[in-house]
C-alpha cells in the first residue's frame, strides 16, 4: 500500500513546519533572554520562525494554497540554513570560533536545523512528484 503523503515520525510537512517554527521562535526568545542581548539580531531565529508558523497554519487551513505556501516555507528554511553559514566567519576571527558564544550557538542551530528542515522539504516535494506521476 502506497503512502498518500510524506511523513516523518508520523507527522506531515505542515506539522513538521509548525514544530520547526515553534523551535525557531522559542530559541530566539530564550537566547535573547538568557544572554541579556539588547540587539535585535538575537531574534533572527524568531523572525524566521514566525512566517513559517503562519504559512504552515495557512497550508492546513487553506489546502488550495498548500503548494504555494510550502514552497515559500522551504525558501525560509534555506534562508535559515544560509544564515547559519555565517558561523564560518568565526574561523577567521582573532578571538576564536565562539568569540560571541550565544550568537555562534544560534548560528550553529540555524545551520544544522535549517539544513535538516530543507532536506525534509525537498524530500517531500520529490515524494509528491513521484506519486503524482505514478
Protein backbone atom coordinates (compact mmCIF):
# COMPACT_ATOMS: atom_id res chain seq x y z
CA UNK A 1 0.00 0.00 0.00
CA UNK A 2 1.38 3.38 -1.04
CA UNK A 3 1.57 6.27 1.39
CA UNK A 4 -0.61 9.24 0.45
CA UNK A 5 1.70 11.88 1.87
CA UNK A 6 5.27 12.27 3.02
CA UNK A 7 5.62 11.81 6.77
CA UNK A 8 8.44 11.78 9.29
CA UNK A 9 7.75 10.22 12.69
CA UNK A 10 4.07 10.21 11.75
CA UNK A 11 3.95 13.95 11.01
CA UNK A 12 3.29 15.52 7.64
CA UNK A 13 5.32 18.51 6.46
CA UNK A 14 2.76 21.07 7.61
CA UNK A 15 3.01 19.77 11.18
CA UNK A 16 6.81 19.44 10.95
CA UNK A 17 6.90 23.06 9.74
CA UNK A 18 4.81 24.20 12.71
CA UNK A 19 7.05 22.30 15.13
CA UNK A 20 10.17 23.76 13.49
CA UNK A 21 8.68 27.26 13.60
CA UNK A 22 7.94 26.91 17.31
CA UNK A 23 11.52 25.74 17.90
CA UNK A 24 12.92 28.76 16.00
CA UNK A 25 10.62 31.23 17.74
CA UNK A 26 11.34 29.78 21.17
CA UNK A 27 15.08 29.64 20.52
CA UNK A 28 15.26 33.31 19.59
CA UNK A 29 13.23 34.38 22.63
CA UNK A 30 15.10 32.15 25.09
CA UNK A 31 18.59 33.02 23.80
CA UNK A 32 17.76 36.73 23.82
CA UNK A 33 16.53 36.45 27.39
CA UNK A 34 19.38 34.25 28.65
CA UNK A 35 22.09 36.33 27.01
CA UNK A 36 20.60 39.66 28.05
CA UNK A 37 21.09 40.80 24.49
CA UNK A 38 19.86 44.23 23.52
CA UNK A 39 20.49 43.50 19.84
CA UNK A 40 17.58 42.70 17.59
CA UNK A 41 19.80 40.25 15.70
CA UNK A 42 19.47 37.75 18.54
CA UNK A 43 15.83 37.43 17.50
CA UNK A 44 16.65 36.38 13.92
CA UNK A 45 15.52 32.77 14.57
CA UNK A 46 12.21 34.16 15.87
CA UNK A 47 11.80 36.34 12.78
CA UNK A 48 12.40 33.30 10.56
CA UNK A 49 10.05 31.09 12.58
CA UNK A 50 7.06 33.44 12.54
CA UNK A 51 6.38 33.33 8.78
CA UNK A 52 6.97 29.56 8.75
CA UNK A 53 4.38 29.18 11.51
CA UNK A 54 1.83 31.42 9.78
CA UNK A 55 2.28 29.81 6.37
CA UNK A 56 2.21 26.24 7.74
CA UNK A 57 -1.02 27.03 9.60
CA UNK A 58 -2.32 28.59 6.39
CA UNK A 59 -1.47 25.42 4.46
CA UNK A 60 -3.53 23.40 6.94
CA UNK A 61 -6.46 25.83 6.88
CA UNK A 62 -6.44 26.54 3.12
CA UNK A 63 -5.41 23.36 1.27
CA UNK A 64 -5.77 25.05 -2.12
CA UNK A 65 -2.79 27.27 -1.20
CA UNK A 66 -0.73 24.43 0.25
CA UNK A 67 1.65 24.10 -2.72
CA UNK A 68 2.48 27.81 -2.78
CA UNK A 69 2.83 28.13 0.98
CA UNK A 70 5.02 25.04 1.33
CA UNK A 71 7.33 26.31 -1.42
CA UNK A 72 7.63 29.64 0.40
CA UNK A 73 8.32 27.78 3.64
CA UNK A 74 11.22 25.84 2.11
CA UNK A 75 12.71 29.14 0.92
CA UNK A 76 12.69 30.39 4.50
CA UNK A 77 14.22 27.08 5.59
CA UNK A 78 17.01 27.62 3.06
CA UNK A 79 17.48 31.19 4.32
CA UNK A 80 17.77 29.78 7.84
CA UNK A 81 20.48 27.38 6.67
CA UNK A 82 22.30 30.12 4.77
CA UNK A 83 22.11 32.41 7.80
CA UNK A 84 23.72 29.67 9.84
CA UNK A 85 26.64 29.60 7.42
CA UNK A 86 27.66 32.95 8.94
CA UNK A 87 29.17 30.76 11.66
CA UNK A 88 32.05 30.07 9.27
CA UNK A 89 33.18 33.70 9.57
CA UNK A 90 34.31 32.83 13.09
CA UNK A 91 37.13 30.68 11.71
CA UNK A 92 38.98 33.83 10.68
CA UNK A 93 38.25 35.74 13.89
CA UNK A 94 41.24 36.52 16.12
CA UNK A 95 39.07 35.98 19.21
CA UNK A 96 38.19 32.44 18.16
CA UNK A 97 35.37 30.49 16.63
CA UNK A 98 32.96 31.06 19.51
CA UNK A 99 34.02 34.63 20.39
CA UNK A 100 30.36 35.54 20.86
CA UNK A 101 29.08 32.27 22.32
CA UNK A 102 25.35 32.97 22.19
CA UNK A 103 25.43 34.24 18.61
CA UNK A 104 27.64 31.35 17.49
CA UNK A 105 25.34 28.86 19.19
CA UNK A 106 22.34 30.36 17.39
CA UNK A 107 24.15 30.24 14.06
CA UNK A 108 25.11 26.61 14.65
CA UNK A 109 21.50 25.76 15.49
CA UNK A 110 20.27 27.56 12.36
CA UNK A 111 22.89 25.84 10.20
CA UNK A 112 22.03 22.33 11.40
CA UNK A 113 18.26 22.65 11.71
CA UNK A 114 17.90 24.73 8.53
CA UNK A 115 19.76 22.05 6.60
CA UNK A 116 17.69 19.19 8.05
CA UNK A 117 14.42 21.07 7.52
CA UNK A 118 15.31 21.98 3.93
CA UNK A 119 16.25 18.37 3.15
CA UNK A 120 12.93 17.16 4.57
CA UNK A 121 11.03 19.72 2.49
CA UNK A 122 12.86 18.73 -0.68
CA UNK A 123 12.31 15.03 0.04
CA UNK A 124 8.59 15.71 0.48
CA UNK A 125 8.46 17.55 -2.85
CA UNK A 126 10.19 14.60 -4.55
CA UNK A 127 7.77 12.18 -2.86
CA UNK A 128 4.76 14.18 -4.08
CA UNK A 129 6.10 14.40 -7.63
CA UNK A 130 6.85 10.66 -7.83
CA UNK A 131 3.41 9.75 -6.50
CA UNK A 132 1.68 12.13 -8.87
CA UNK A 133 3.47 10.58 -11.85
CA UNK A 134 2.70 7.01 -10.76
